[in-house]
């Protein structure tokens, strides 16, 4: 007796053999043919996702023979009025195969969390750097970010031999390549952008409880309407950047 369509779907979900696929191709039932078409679409999508990852590893593959330990560097949080800039340095293994690792801004919160956990599980090394509001006010946002990137590199357990950096120069004595839109072009930088974003979002959610009234958990410190209303009503907090113009008007 022929297998039911439900049984066939279960077989297709479990890495089907070429023989089984050939056999099912001749099955006259509509449900079987629909299941085969669905499998083919899934496989085509998978090939696209695998290719996208390989495209983001081109620079790493080019550099790895000479520099086995490459750190991708990125930052999150240069634009907000409150909270720190968080930088991350991530060294990926040469067999890195986590699909969909891309610029963190292009991922949903759920996808980001899932990829963050996968990156943490397989990375050779991960490190963070922080520029708090006081440092940003003292150094200016650009230089504070550079210093926080250097911090992330210096805190790595394994000293990298080469850096791939999103759009900035890291003030450390290491060869580095500065890539515009690097988080969409290099998997190492994309992984760093995901790690930095997750860490900063969790931090701003915590700050929302410490400093209620600014809606930090939803705006991550950016100058939304609710945030500006909070500033007008409550004044600024120790995590606000006093050198950023909307904050200047609302001193304690």
C-alpha atoms as a PDB file:
ATOM      1  CA  UNK A   1       0.000   0.000   0.000  1.00  0.00           C
ATOM      2  CA  UNK A   2       1.275   3.468  -0.878  1.00  0.00           C
ATOM      3  CA  UNK A   3       2.358   5.683   1.995  1.00  0.00           C
ATOM      4  CA  UNK A   4      -0.056   8.410   3.088  1.00  0.00           C
ATOM      5  CA  UNK A   5       0.771  11.997   2.104  1.00  0.00           C
ATOM      6  CA  UNK A   6       1.411  12.785   5.762  1.00  0.00           C
ATOM      7  CA  UNK A   7       4.025   9.974   5.927  1.00  0.00           C
ATOM      8  CA  UNK A   8       5.600  11.144   2.664  1.00  0.00           C
ATOM      9  CA  UNK A   9       5.894  14.728   4.021  1.00  0.00           C
ATOM     10  CA  UNK A  10       7.662  13.351   7.091  1.00  0.00           C
ATOM     11  CA  UNK A  11      10.094  11.422   4.828  1.00  0.00           C
ATOM     12  CA  UNK A  12      10.752  14.550   2.746  1.00  0.00           C
ATOM     13  CA  UNK A  13      11.499  16.562   5.883  1.00  0.00           C
ATOM     14  CA  UNK A  14      14.191  14.092   6.837  1.00  0.00           C
ATOM     15  CA  UNK A  15      16.908  14.352   4.165  1.00  0.00           C
ATOM     16  CA  UNK A  16      15.248  12.152   1.494  1.00  0.00           C
ATOM     17  CA  UNK A  17      17.344   9.878  -0.739  1.00  0.00           C
ATOM     18  CA  UNK A  18      17.615  10.393  -4.507  1.00  0.00           C
ATOM     19  CA  UNK A  19      15.799   7.039  -4.993  1.00  0.00           C
ATOM     20  CA  UNK A  20      12.842   8.197  -2.901  1.00  0.00           C
ATOM     21  CA  UNK A  21      12.630  11.492  -4.804  1.00  0.00           C
ATOM     22  CA  UNK A  22      12.719   9.675  -8.168  1.00  0.00           C
ATOM     23  CA  UNK A  23      10.000   7.299  -6.976  1.00  0.00           C
ATOM     24  CA  UNK A  24       7.785  10.148  -5.704  1.00  0.00           C
ATOM     25  CA  UNK A  25       8.218  12.094  -8.952  1.00  0.00           C
ATOM     26  CA  UNK A  26       6.056   9.430 -10.654  1.00  0.00           C
ATOM     27  CA  UNK A  27       3.380   9.413  -7.892  1.00  0.00           C
ATOM     28  CA  UNK A  28       0.153  10.677  -9.514  1.00  0.00           C
ATOM     29  CA  UNK A  29      -1.278  12.198  -6.308  1.00  0.00           C
ATOM     30  CA  UNK A  30      -1.551  15.994  -6.306  1.00  0.00           C
ATOM     31  CA  UNK A  31      -0.594  16.208  -2.624  1.00  0.00           C
ATOM     32  CA  UNK A  32       2.659  14.335  -3.282  1.00  0.00           C
ATOM     33  CA  UNK A  33       3.592  16.600  -6.196  1.00  0.00           C
ATOM     34  CA  UNK A  34       2.792  19.693  -4.100  1.00  0.00           C
ATOM     35  CA  UNK A  35       5.031  18.366  -1.308  1.00  0.00           C
ATOM     36  CA  UNK A  36       7.867  17.777  -3.810  1.00  0.00           C
ATOM     37  CA  UNK A  37       7.511  21.305  -5.191  1.00  0.00           C
ATOM     38  CA  UNK A  38       7.599  22.723  -1.676  1.00  0.00           C
ATOM     39  CA  UNK A  39      10.783  20.771  -0.940  1.00  0.00           C
ATOM     40  CA  UNK A  40      12.367  22.064  -4.138  1.00  0.00           C
ATOM     41  CA  UNK A  41      11.505  25.682  -3.203  1.00  0.00           C
ATOM     42  CA  UNK A  42      13.010  25.176   0.260  1.00  0.00           C
ATOM     43  CA  UNK A  43      16.184  23.732  -1.257  1.00  0.00           C
ATOM     44  CA  UNK A  44      16.457  26.628  -3.696  1.00  0.00           C
ATOM     45  CA  UNK A  45      16.083  29.110  -0.800  1.00  0.00           C
ATOM     46  CA  UNK A  46      18.721  27.244   1.172  1.00  0.00           C
ATOM     47  CA  UNK A  47      21.172  27.471  -1.758  1.00  0.00           C
ATOM     48  CA  UNK A  48      20.561  31.252  -1.926  1.00  0.00           C
ATOM     49  CA  UNK A  49      21.192  31.612   1.848  1.00  0.00           C
ATOM     50  CA  UNK A  50      24.368  29.494   1.628  1.00  0.00           C
ATOM     51  CA  UNK A  51      25.601  31.546  -1.329  1.00  0.00           C
ATOM     52  CA  UNK A  52      24.900  34.795   0.552  1.00  0.00           C
ATOM     53  CA  UNK A  53      27.042  33.566   3.454  1.00  0.00           C
ATOM     54  CA  UNK A  54      29.886  32.561   1.099  1.00  0.00           C
ATOM     55  CA  UNK A  55      29.716  36.037  -0.495  1.00  0.00           C
ATOM     56  CA  UNK A  56      30.179  37.538   2.983  1.00  0.00           C
ATOM     57  CA  UNK A  57      33.193  35.324   3.638  1.00  0.00           C
ATOM     58  CA  UNK A  58      35.132  36.232   0.470  1.00  0.00           C
ATOM     59  CA  UNK A  59      37.483  38.637   2.272  1.00  0.00           C
ATOM     60  CA  UNK A  60      38.013  36.247   5.160  1.00  0.00           C
ATOM     61  CA  UNK A  61      38.909  33.389   2.774  1.00  0.00           C
ATOM     62  CA  UNK A  62      41.284  35.709   0.944  1.00  0.00           C
ATOM     63  CA  UNK A  63      43.052  36.739   4.181  1.00  0.00           C
ATOM     64  CA  UNK A  64      42.920  33.555   6.291  1.00  0.00           C
ATOM     65  CA  UNK A  65      45.922  31.809   4.652  1.00  0.00           C
ATOM     66  CA  UNK A  66      48.158  34.678   5.859  1.00  0.00           C
ATOM     67  CA  UNK A  67      46.134  35.829   8.885  1.00  0.00           C
ATOM     68  CA  UNK A  68      44.376  32.847  10.523  1.00  0.00           C
ATOM     69  CA  UNK A  69      42.872  35.014  13.287  1.00  0.00           C
ATOM     70  CA  UNK A  70      40.763  37.819  11.832  1.00  0.00           C
ATOM     71  CA  UNK A  71      38.533  39.951  14.024  1.00  0.00           C
ATOM     72  CA  UNK A  72      35.448  41.673  12.662  1.00  0.00           C
ATOM     73  CA  UNK A  73      34.743  44.975  14.448  1.00  0.00           C
ATOM     74  CA  UNK A  74      31.517  46.977  14.594  1.00  0.00           C
ATOM     75  CA  UNK A  75      29.713  49.449  16.826  1.00  0.00           C
ATOM     76  CA  UNK A  76      26.145  50.180  17.814  1.00  0.00           C
ATOM     77  CA  UNK A  77      24.750  53.341  19.361  1.00  0.00           C
ATOM     78  CA  UNK A  78      26.465  56.371  17.858  1.00  0.00           C
ATOM     79  CA  UNK A  79      23.174  58.154  17.139  1.00  0.00           C
ATOM     80  CA  UNK A  80      21.203  57.925  20.431  1.00  0.00           C
ATOM     81  CA  UNK A  81      20.938  60.727  22.986  1.00  0.00           C
ATOM     82  CA  UNK A  82      21.437  58.322  25.891  1.00  0.00           C
ATOM     83  CA  UNK A  83      23.341  55.162  26.746  1.00  0.00           C
ATOM     84  CA  UNK A  84      26.801  54.033  25.695  1.00  0.00           C
ATOM     85  CA  UNK A  85      28.295  53.119  22.349  1.00  0.00           C
ATOM     86  CA  UNK A  86      28.929  49.369  22.423  1.00  0.00           C
ATOM     87  CA  UNK A  87      31.610  47.866  20.193  1.00  0.00           C
ATOM     88  CA  UNK A  88      32.247  44.190  19.534  1.00  0.00           C
ATOM     89  CA  UNK A  89      35.198  42.241  18.162  1.00  0.00           C
ATOM     90  CA  UNK A  90      34.433  38.734  16.903  1.00  0.00           C
ATOM     91  CA  UNK A  91      36.880  36.111  15.607  1.00  0.00           C
ATOM     92  CA  UNK A  92      35.079  33.486  13.515  1.00  0.00           C
ATOM     93  CA  UNK A  93      36.269  29.920  12.888  1.00  0.00           C
ATOM     94  CA  UNK A  94      37.308  29.040   9.326  1.00  0.00           C
ATOM     95  CA  UNK A  95      34.401  26.595   8.988  1.00  0.00           C
ATOM     96  CA  UNK A  96      31.826  29.219  10.023  1.00  0.00           C
ATOM     97  CA  UNK A  97      28.466  28.112   8.615  1.00  0.00           C
ATOM     98  CA  UNK A  98      25.762  30.066  10.477  1.00  0.00           C
ATOM     99  CA  UNK A  99      23.338  31.172   7.765  1.00  0.00           C
ATOM    100  CA  UNK A 100      21.661  34.603   7.593  1.00  0.00           C
ATOM    101  CA  UNK A 101      24.409  36.464   9.480  1.00  0.00           C
ATOM    102  CA  UNK A 102      23.981  39.962   8.076  1.00  0.00           C
ATOM    103  CA  UNK A 103      23.950  43.619   9.113  1.00  0.00           C
ATOM    104  CA  UNK A 104      22.006  43.575  12.418  1.00  0.00           C
ATOM    105  CA  UNK A 105      19.747  46.431  11.237  1.00  0.00           C
ATOM    106  CA  UNK A 106      18.339  44.147   8.547  1.00  0.00           C
ATOM    107  CA  UNK A 107      17.263  41.421  10.988  1.00  0.00           C
ATOM    108  CA  UNK A 108      14.160  41.076  13.134  1.00  0.00           C
ATOM    109  CA  UNK A 109      14.677  41.092  16.920  1.00  0.00           C
ATOM    110  CA  UNK A 110      13.798  37.379  17.061  1.00  0.00           C
ATOM    111  CA  UNK A 111      16.251  36.469  14.289  1.00  0.00           C
ATOM    112  CA  UNK A 112      18.963  38.595  15.887  1.00  0.00           C
ATOM    113  CA  UNK A 113      18.585  36.810  19.214  1.00  0.00           C
ATOM    114  CA  UNK A 114      18.733  33.397  17.498  1.00  0.00           C
ATOM    115  CA  UNK A 115      21.876  34.364  15.525  1.00  0.00           C
ATOM    116  CA  UNK A 116      23.487  35.970  18.593  1.00  0.00           C
ATOM    117  CA  UNK A 117      23.257  32.660  20.478  1.00  0.00           C
ATOM    118  CA  UNK A 118      24.630  30.718  17.490  1.00  0.00           C
ATOM    119  CA  UNK A 119      27.539  33.158  17.042  1.00  0.00           C
ATOM    120  CA  UNK A 120      28.371  32.952  20.769  1.00  0.00           C
ATOM    121  CA  UNK A 121      28.351  29.143  20.502  1.00  0.00           C
ATOM    122  CA  UNK A 122      30.811  28.883  17.596  1.00  0.00           C
ATOM    123  CA  UNK A 123      33.027  32.002  17.678  1.00  0.00           C
ATOM    124  CA  UNK A 124      36.701  31.502  18.537  1.00  0.00           C
ATOM    125  CA  UNK A 125      36.602  34.693  20.592  1.00  0.00           C
ATOM    126  CA  UNK A 126      34.268  37.620  21.354  1.00  0.00           C
ATOM    127  CA  UNK A 127      35.021  40.820  23.199  1.00  0.00           C
ATOM    128  CA  UNK A 128      33.238  44.111  23.931  1.00  0.00           C
ATOM    129  CA  UNK A 129      34.244  47.741  24.279  1.00  0.00           C
ATOM    130  CA  UNK A 130      32.191  50.517  25.858  1.00  0.00           C
ATOM    131  CA  UNK A 131      32.193  54.294  25.504  1.00  0.00           C
ATOM    132  CA  UNK A 132      29.834  55.722  28.126  1.00  0.00           C
ATOM    133  CA  UNK A 133      28.090  59.102  27.907  1.00  0.00           C
ATOM    134  CA  UNK A 134      30.862  60.856  29.885  1.00  0.00           C
ATOM    135  CA  UNK A 135      33.547  59.546  27.546  1.00  0.00           C
ATOM    136  CA  UNK A 136      31.451  60.557  24.507  1.00  0.00           C
ATOM    137  CA  UNK A 137      31.025  64.090  25.930  1.00  0.00           C
ATOM    138  CA  UNK A 138      34.741  64.319  26.696  1.00  0.00           C
ATOM    139  CA  UNK A 139      36.204  62.838  23.489  1.00  0.00           C
ATOM    140  CA  UNK A 140      33.443  63.489  20.886  1.00  0.00           C
ATOM    141  CA  UNK A 141      31.353  60.654  19.483  1.00  0.00           C
ATOM    142  CA  UNK A 142      33.700  59.632  16.668  1.00  0.00           C
ATOM    143  CA  UNK A 143      36.867  59.410  18.750  1.00  0.00           C
ATOM    144  CA  UNK A 144      35.039  57.749  21.664  1.00  0.00           C
ATOM    145  CA  UNK A 145      33.830  55.061  19.236  1.00  0.00           C
ATOM    146  CA  UNK A 146      37.380  54.500  17.950  1.00  0.00           C
ATOM    147  CA  UNK A 147      38.654  54.124  21.525  1.00  0.00           C
ATOM    148  CA  UNK A 148      35.859  51.661  22.337  1.00  0.00           C
ATOM    149  CA  UNK A 149      36.760  49.633  19.224  1.00  0.00           C
ATOM    150  CA  UNK A 150      40.398  49.535  20.367  1.00  0.00           C
ATOM    151  CA  UNK A 151      39.167  48.373  23.794  1.00  0.00           C
ATOM    152  CA  UNK A 152      37.214  45.502  22.207  1.00  0.00           C
ATOM    153  CA  UNK A 153      40.329  44.406  20.265  1.00  0.00           C
ATOM    154  CA  UNK A 154      42.596  44.649  23.318  1.00  0.00           C
ATOM    155  CA  UNK A 155      40.185  42.607  25.471  1.00  0.00           C
ATOM    156  CA  UNK A 156      40.233  39.620  23.099  1.00  0.00           C
ATOM    157  CA  UNK A 157      41.803  36.497  24.624  1.00  0.00           C
ATOM    158  CA  UNK A 158      43.352  35.539  21.264  1.00  0.00           C
ATOM    159  CA  UNK A 159      45.284  38.434  19.736  1.00  0.00           C
ATOM    160  CA  UNK A 160      43.962  38.893  16.169  1.00  0.00           C
ATOM    161  CA  UNK A 161      46.397  39.287  13.271  1.00  0.00           C
ATOM    162  CA  UNK A 162      44.095  41.356  11.079  1.00  0.00           C
ATOM    163  CA  UNK A 163      40.959  43.484  11.528  1.00  0.00           C
ATOM    164  CA  UNK A 164      37.962  43.941   9.255  1.00  0.00           C
ATOM    165  CA  UNK A 165      36.240  47.119  10.427  1.00  0.00           C
ATOM    166  CA  UNK A 166      32.920  48.716   9.562  1.00  0.00           C
ATOM    167  CA  UNK A 167      33.718  52.164   8.132  1.00  0.00           C
ATOM    168  CA  UNK A 168      36.231  53.221  10.788  1.00  0.00           C
ATOM    169  CA  UNK A 169      39.898  52.982  11.706  1.00  0.00           C
ATOM    170  CA  UNK A 170      40.798  51.273  14.984  1.00  0.00           C
ATOM    171  CA  UNK A 171      43.711  52.982  16.779  1.00  0.00           C
ATOM    172  CA  UNK A 172      45.744  49.790  17.348  1.00  0.00           C
ATOM    173  CA  UNK A 173      48.944  48.611  15.650  1.00  0.00           C
ATOM    174  CA  UNK A 174      47.363  45.890  13.514  1.00  0.00           C
ATOM    175  CA  UNK A 175      46.786  45.607   9.768  1.00  0.00           C
ATOM    176  CA  UNK A 176      43.151  46.387   9.046  1.00  0.00           C
ATOM    177  CA  UNK A 177      40.711  46.926   6.227  1.00  0.00           C
ATOM    178  CA  UNK A 178      38.064  49.596   6.563  1.00  0.00           C
ATOM    179  CA  UNK A 179      34.873  48.637   4.742  1.00  0.00           C
ATOM    180  CA  UNK A 180      31.984  50.933   3.953  1.00  0.00           C
ATOM    181  CA  UNK A 181      28.753  49.036   4.756  1.00  0.00           C
ATOM    182  CA  UNK A 182      31.068  46.341   6.095  1.00  0.00           C
ATOM    183  CA  UNK A 183      28.323  44.716   8.165  1.00  0.00           C
ATOM    184  CA  UNK A 184      26.605  43.689   4.919  1.00  0.00           C
ATOM    185  CA  UNK A 185      29.864  42.680   3.182  1.00  0.00           C
ATOM    186  CA  UNK A 186      31.768  40.647   5.770  1.00  0.00           C
ATOM    187  CA  UNK A 187      30.387  37.876   7.988  1.00  0.00           C
ATOM    188  CA  UNK A 188      32.938  38.768  10.703  1.00  0.00           C
ATOM    189  CA  UNK A 189      31.721  42.379  10.844  1.00  0.00           C
ATOM    190  CA  UNK A 190      28.072  41.270  10.610  1.00  0.00           C
ATOM    191  CA  UNK A 191      28.618  38.903  13.572  1.00  0.00           C
ATOM    192  CA  UNK A 192      30.157  41.799  15.548  1.00  0.00           C
ATOM    193  CA  UNK A 193      27.211  44.040  14.672  1.00  0.00           C
ATOM    194  CA  UNK A 194      24.730  41.403  15.931  1.00  0.00           C
ATOM    195  CA  UNK A 195      26.629  40.896  19.194  1.00  0.00           C
ATOM    196  CA  UNK A 196      26.972  44.664  19.834  1.00  0.00           C
ATOM    197  CA  UNK A 197      23.295  45.303  19.047  1.00  0.00           C
ATOM    198  CA  UNK A 198      22.035  42.506  21.329  1.00  0.00           C
ATOM    199  CA  UNK A 199      24.224  43.617  24.212  1.00  0.00           C
ATOM    200  CA  UNK A 200      23.217  47.278  23.830  1.00  0.00           C
ATOM    201  CA  UNK A 201      19.495  46.484  23.531  1.00  0.00           C
ATOM    202  CA  UNK A 202      19.609  44.365  26.722  1.00  0.00           C
ATOM    203  CA  UNK A 203      21.480  47.165  28.493  1.00  0.00           C
ATOM    204  CA  UNK A 204      18.956  49.823  27.443  1.00  0.00           C
ATOM    205  CA  UNK A 205      16.103  47.571  28.635  1.00  0.00           C
ATOM    206  CA  UNK A 206      17.826  47.446  32.027  1.00  0.00           C
ATOM    207  CA  UNK A 207      18.298  51.244  32.004  1.00  0.00           C
ATOM    208  CA  UNK A 208      14.566  51.569  31.326  1.00  0.00           C
ATOM    209  CA  UNK A 209      13.993  50.125  34.811  1.00  0.00           C
ATOM    210  CA  UNK A 210      16.712  52.285  36.405  1.00  0.00           C
ATOM    211  CA  UNK A 211      15.503  55.492  34.716  1.00  0.00           C
ATOM    212  CA  UNK A 212      11.785  55.078  33.959  1.00  0.00           C
ATOM    213  CA  UNK A 213       9.933  57.712  31.964  1.00  0.00           C
ATOM    214  CA  UNK A 214      12.125  57.879  28.843  1.00  0.00           C
ATOM    215  CA  UNK A 215      10.900  54.687  27.137  1.00  0.00           C
ATOM    216  CA  UNK A 216      14.468  53.368  26.816  1.00  0.00           C
ATOM    217  CA  UNK A 217      13.333  49.769  26.334  1.00  0.00           C
ATOM    218  CA  UNK A 218      11.569  50.723  23.097  1.00  0.00           C
ATOM    219  CA  UNK A 219      13.779  53.529  21.746  1.00  0.00           C
ATOM    220  CA  UNK A 220      17.232  52.257  22.893  1.00  0.00           C
ATOM    221  CA  UNK A 221      18.119  55.858  23.752  1.00  0.00           C
ATOM    222  CA  UNK A 222      17.270  57.370  20.352  1.00  0.00           C
ATOM    223  CA  UNK A 223      15.447  60.719  20.363  1.00  0.00           C
ATOM    224  CA  UNK A 224      11.868  59.544  19.868  1.00  0.00           C
ATOM    225  CA  UNK A 225       8.845  61.645  20.852  1.00  0.00           C
ATOM    226  CA  UNK A 226       8.405  59.746  24.137  1.00  0.00           C
ATOM    227  CA  UNK A 227      12.093  60.134  24.937  1.00  0.00           C
ATOM    228  CA  UNK A 228      12.026  63.907  24.309  1.00  0.00           C
ATOM    229  CA  UNK A 229       8.824  64.188  26.378  1.00  0.00           C
ATOM    230  CA  UNK A 230      10.633  62.372  29.221  1.00  0.00           C
ATOM    231  CA  UNK A 231      13.579  64.774  28.938  1.00  0.00           C
ATOM    232  CA  UNK A 232      11.242  67.778  29.083  1.00  0.00           C
ATOM    233  CA  UNK A 233       9.382  66.412  32.119  1.00  0.00           C
ATOM    234  CA  UNK A 234      12.242  64.836  34.093  1.00  0.00           C
ATOM    235  CA  UNK A 235      15.478  66.429  32.852  1.00  0.00           C
ATOM    236  CA  UNK A 236      18.507  64.383  31.844  1.00  0.00           C
ATOM    237  CA  UNK A 237      20.003  61.321  33.573  1.00  0.00           C
ATOM    238  CA  UNK A 238      23.646  60.283  34.100  1.00  0.00           C
ATOM    239  CA  UNK A 239      23.441  58.172  30.918  1.00  0.00           C
ATOM    240  CA  UNK A 240      22.417  61.124  28.724  1.00  0.00           C
ATOM    241  CA  UNK A 241      25.000  62.655  26.377  1.00  0.00           C
ATOM    242  CA  UNK A 242      25.175  66.291  27.500  1.00  0.00           C
ATOM    243  CA  UNK A 243      27.067  67.287  24.342  1.00  0.00           C
ATOM    244  CA  UNK A 244      24.162  66.221  22.077  1.00  0.00           C
ATOM    245  CA  UNK A 245      22.003  69.266  21.309  1.00  0.00           C
ATOM    246  CA  UNK A 246      18.518  68.047  22.382  1.00  0.00           C
ATOM    247  CA  UNK A 247      19.940  67.040  25.784  1.00  0.00           C
ATOM    248  CA  UNK A 248      21.741  70.358  26.444  1.00  0.00           C
ATOM    249  CA  UNK A 249      18.391  72.144  26.982  1.00  0.00           C
ATOM    250  CA  UNK A 250      17.358  69.722  29.706  1.00  0.00           C
ATOM    251  CA  UNK A 251      20.031  69.791  32.382  1.00  0.00           C
ATOM    252  CA  UNK A 252      19.014  68.530  35.834  1.00  0.00           C
END
